[in-house]
Amino acid sequence: MSYLTKEKKQNVFSGFGGKSANTGSIEGQIALLTERINSISEHLQANKKDFSTHRGLMQLVGKRKRLLTYLSKQNLQGYRELIEKLGLRK
């Protein structure tokens, strides 16, 4: 499942983390997790009985939720901008 190439990761981190080398930024990590979650969700649409992948998806969603909670406590304005950019809340 090669859904994230090196170039795509760099584009995600440069778009959300400031620079492509800033892989530790919370915004970049959340954006990367969102890309992975979207990719796995598409996989599960076609393979409904893949329960181990479903478990992994739930773990990624929980990790993203924890990072979003941390970001909302540290930088509320940045949290709101990131939610708007990624289209997570409706």
C-alpha atoms as a PDB file:
ATOM      1  CA  MET A   1       0.000   0.000   0.000  1.00  0.00           C
ATOM      2  CA  SER A   2       2.276   2.728  -1.275  1.00  0.00           C
ATOM      3  CA  TYR A   3      -0.049   5.671  -0.927  1.00  0.00           C
ATOM      4  CA  LEU A   4       2.443   8.227   0.423  1.00  0.00           C
ATOM      5  CA  THR A   5       5.577   8.846  -1.554  1.00  0.00           C
ATOM      6  CA  LYS A   6       8.489  10.896  -0.271  1.00  0.00           C
ATOM      7  CA  GLU A   7       7.457  13.857  -2.426  1.00  0.00           C
ATOM      8  CA  LYS A   8       3.862  13.724  -1.211  1.00  0.00           C
ATOM      9  CA  LYS A   9       5.004  13.706   2.428  1.00  0.00           C
ATOM     10  CA  GLN A  10       7.239  16.706   1.753  1.00  0.00           C
ATOM     11  CA  ASN A  11       4.306  18.525   0.138  1.00  0.00           C
ATOM     12  CA  VAL A  12       2.093  17.814   3.154  1.00  0.00           C
ATOM     13  CA  PHE A  13       4.712  19.050   5.620  1.00  0.00           C
ATOM     14  CA  SER A  14       5.563  22.119   3.557  1.00  0.00           C
ATOM     15  CA  GLY A  15       1.882  22.977   3.240  1.00  0.00           C
ATOM     16  CA  PHE A  16       1.015  22.566   6.901  1.00  0.00           C
ATOM     17  CA  GLY A  17       4.281  22.530   8.859  1.00  0.00           C
ATOM     18  CA  GLY A  18       6.033  25.526   7.322  1.00  0.00           C
ATOM     19  CA  LYS A  19       8.978  23.735   5.672  1.00  0.00           C
ATOM     20  CA  SER A  20       9.331  20.222   4.332  1.00  0.00           C
ATOM     21  CA  ALA A  21      12.056  19.476   6.916  1.00  0.00           C
ATOM     22  CA  ASN A  22       9.759  20.394   9.829  1.00  0.00           C
ATOM     23  CA  THR A  23       8.333  16.912  10.308  1.00  0.00           C
ATOM     24  CA  GLY A  24       7.722  17.403  14.017  1.00  0.00           C
ATOM     25  CA  SER A  25       5.117  20.128  13.709  1.00  0.00           C
ATOM     26  CA  ILE A  26       1.753  19.198  15.135  1.00  0.00           C
ATOM     27  CA  GLU A  27      -0.087  20.629  12.131  1.00  0.00           C
ATOM     28  CA  GLY A  28       2.016  18.586   9.716  1.00  0.00           C
ATOM     29  CA  GLN A  29       1.542  15.401  11.727  1.00  0.00           C
ATOM     30  CA  ILE A  30      -2.228  15.882  11.813  1.00  0.00           C
ATOM     31  CA  ALA A  31      -2.309  16.555   8.061  1.00  0.00           C
ATOM     32  CA  LEU A  32      -0.249  13.414   7.381  1.00  0.00           C
ATOM     33  CA  LEU A  33      -2.528  11.321   9.591  1.00  0.00           C
ATOM     34  CA  THR A  34      -5.529  12.731   7.731  1.00  0.00           C
ATOM     35  CA  GLU A  35      -4.006  11.667   4.409  1.00  0.00           C
ATOM     36  CA  ARG A  36      -3.409   8.162   5.767  1.00  0.00           C
ATOM     37  CA  ILE A  37      -6.934   7.971   7.213  1.00  0.00           C
ATOM     38  CA  ASN A  38      -8.474   9.009   3.891  1.00  0.00           C
ATOM     39  CA  SER A  39      -6.424   6.424   2.013  1.00  0.00           C
ATOM     40  CA  ILE A  40      -7.326   3.619   4.409  1.00  0.00           C
ATOM     41  CA  SER A  41     -10.992   4.641   4.318  1.00  0.00           C
ATOM     42  CA  GLU A  42     -11.004   4.250   0.536  1.00  0.00           C
ATOM     43  CA  HIS A  43      -9.424   0.812   0.943  1.00  0.00           C
ATOM     44  CA  LEU A  44     -12.095  -0.223   3.427  1.00  0.00           C
ATOM     45  CA  GLN A  45     -14.877   0.897   1.096  1.00  0.00           C
ATOM     46  CA  ALA A  46     -13.755  -1.795  -1.345  1.00  0.00           C
ATOM     47  CA  ASN A  47     -12.749  -4.396   1.276  1.00  0.00           C
ATOM     48  CA  LYS A  48     -15.474  -4.408   3.880  1.00  0.00           C
ATOM     49  CA  LYS A  49     -14.273  -7.543   5.680  1.00  0.00           C
ATOM     50  CA  ASP A  50     -10.715  -6.329   6.312  1.00  0.00           C
ATOM     51  CA  PHE A  51     -11.054  -6.073  10.068  1.00  0.00           C
ATOM     52  CA  SER A  52      -7.374  -5.730  10.927  1.00  0.00           C
ATOM     53  CA  THR A  53      -7.103  -2.653   8.730  1.00  0.00           C
ATOM     54  CA  HIS A  54     -10.248  -1.303  10.375  1.00  0.00           C
ATOM     55  CA  ARG A  55      -8.559  -1.648  13.765  1.00  0.00           C
ATOM     56  CA  GLY A  56      -5.520   0.224  12.478  1.00  0.00           C
ATOM     57  CA  LEU A  57      -7.797   2.952  11.131  1.00  0.00           C
ATOM     58  CA  MET A  58      -9.420   3.359  14.536  1.00  0.00           C
ATOM     59  CA  GLN A  59      -5.979   3.683  16.142  1.00  0.00           C
ATOM     60  CA  LEU A  60      -5.001   6.398  13.646  1.00  0.00           C
ATOM     61  CA  VAL A  61      -8.243   8.272  14.283  1.00  0.00           C
ATOM     62  CA  GLY A  62      -7.576   8.145  18.032  1.00  0.00           C
ATOM     63  CA  LYS A  63      -4.026   9.401  17.568  1.00  0.00           C
ATOM     64  CA  ARG A  64      -5.252  12.286  15.391  1.00  0.00           C
ATOM     65  CA  LYS A  65      -7.893  13.118  17.997  1.00  0.00           C
ATOM     66  CA  ARG A  66      -5.266  13.282  20.748  1.00  0.00           C
ATOM     67  CA  LEU A  67      -3.054  15.548  18.628  1.00  0.00           C
ATOM     68  CA  LEU A  68      -6.020  17.802  17.810  1.00  0.00           C
ATOM     69  CA  THR A  69      -6.873  18.062  21.509  1.00  0.00           C
ATOM     70  CA  TYR A  70      -3.287  19.027  22.295  1.00  0.00           C
ATOM     71  CA  LEU A  71      -3.272  21.626  19.519  1.00  0.00           C
ATOM     72  CA  SER A  72      -6.573  23.121  20.680  1.00  0.00           C
ATOM     73  CA  LYS A  73      -5.153  23.580  24.184  1.00  0.00           C
ATOM     74  CA  GLN A  74      -1.872  25.100  22.964  1.00  0.00           C
ATOM     75  CA  ASN A  75      -2.977  27.193  19.979  1.00  0.00           C
ATOM     76  CA  LEU A  76      -6.717  27.636  19.537  1.00  0.00           C
ATOM     77  CA  GLN A  77      -6.445  29.883  16.482  1.00  0.00           C
ATOM     78  CA  GLY A  78      -4.084  27.446  14.745  1.00  0.00           C
ATOM     79  CA  TYR A  79      -6.457  24.611  15.617  1.00  0.00           C
ATOM     80  CA  ARG A  80      -9.396  26.394  13.998  1.00  0.00           C
ATOM     81  CA  GLU A  81      -7.382  27.208  10.867  1.00  0.00           C
ATOM     82  CA  LEU A  82      -6.201  23.602  10.536  1.00  0.00           C
ATOM     83  CA  ILE A  83      -9.729  22.225  10.959  1.00  0.00           C
ATOM     84  CA  GLU A  84     -10.906  24.602   8.237  1.00  0.00           C
ATOM     85  CA  LYS A  85      -8.072  23.666   5.861  1.00  0.00           C
ATOM     86  CA  LEU A  86      -8.521  19.925   6.290  1.00  0.00           C
ATOM     87  CA  GLY A  87     -12.306  20.051   6.371  1.00  0.00           C
ATOM     88  CA  LEU A  88     -12.604  17.819   9.430  1.00  0.00           C
ATOM     89  CA  ARG A  89     -15.560  19.413  11.230  1.00  0.00           C
ATOM     90  CA  LYS A  90     -18.794  20.376   9.547  1.00  0.00           C
END
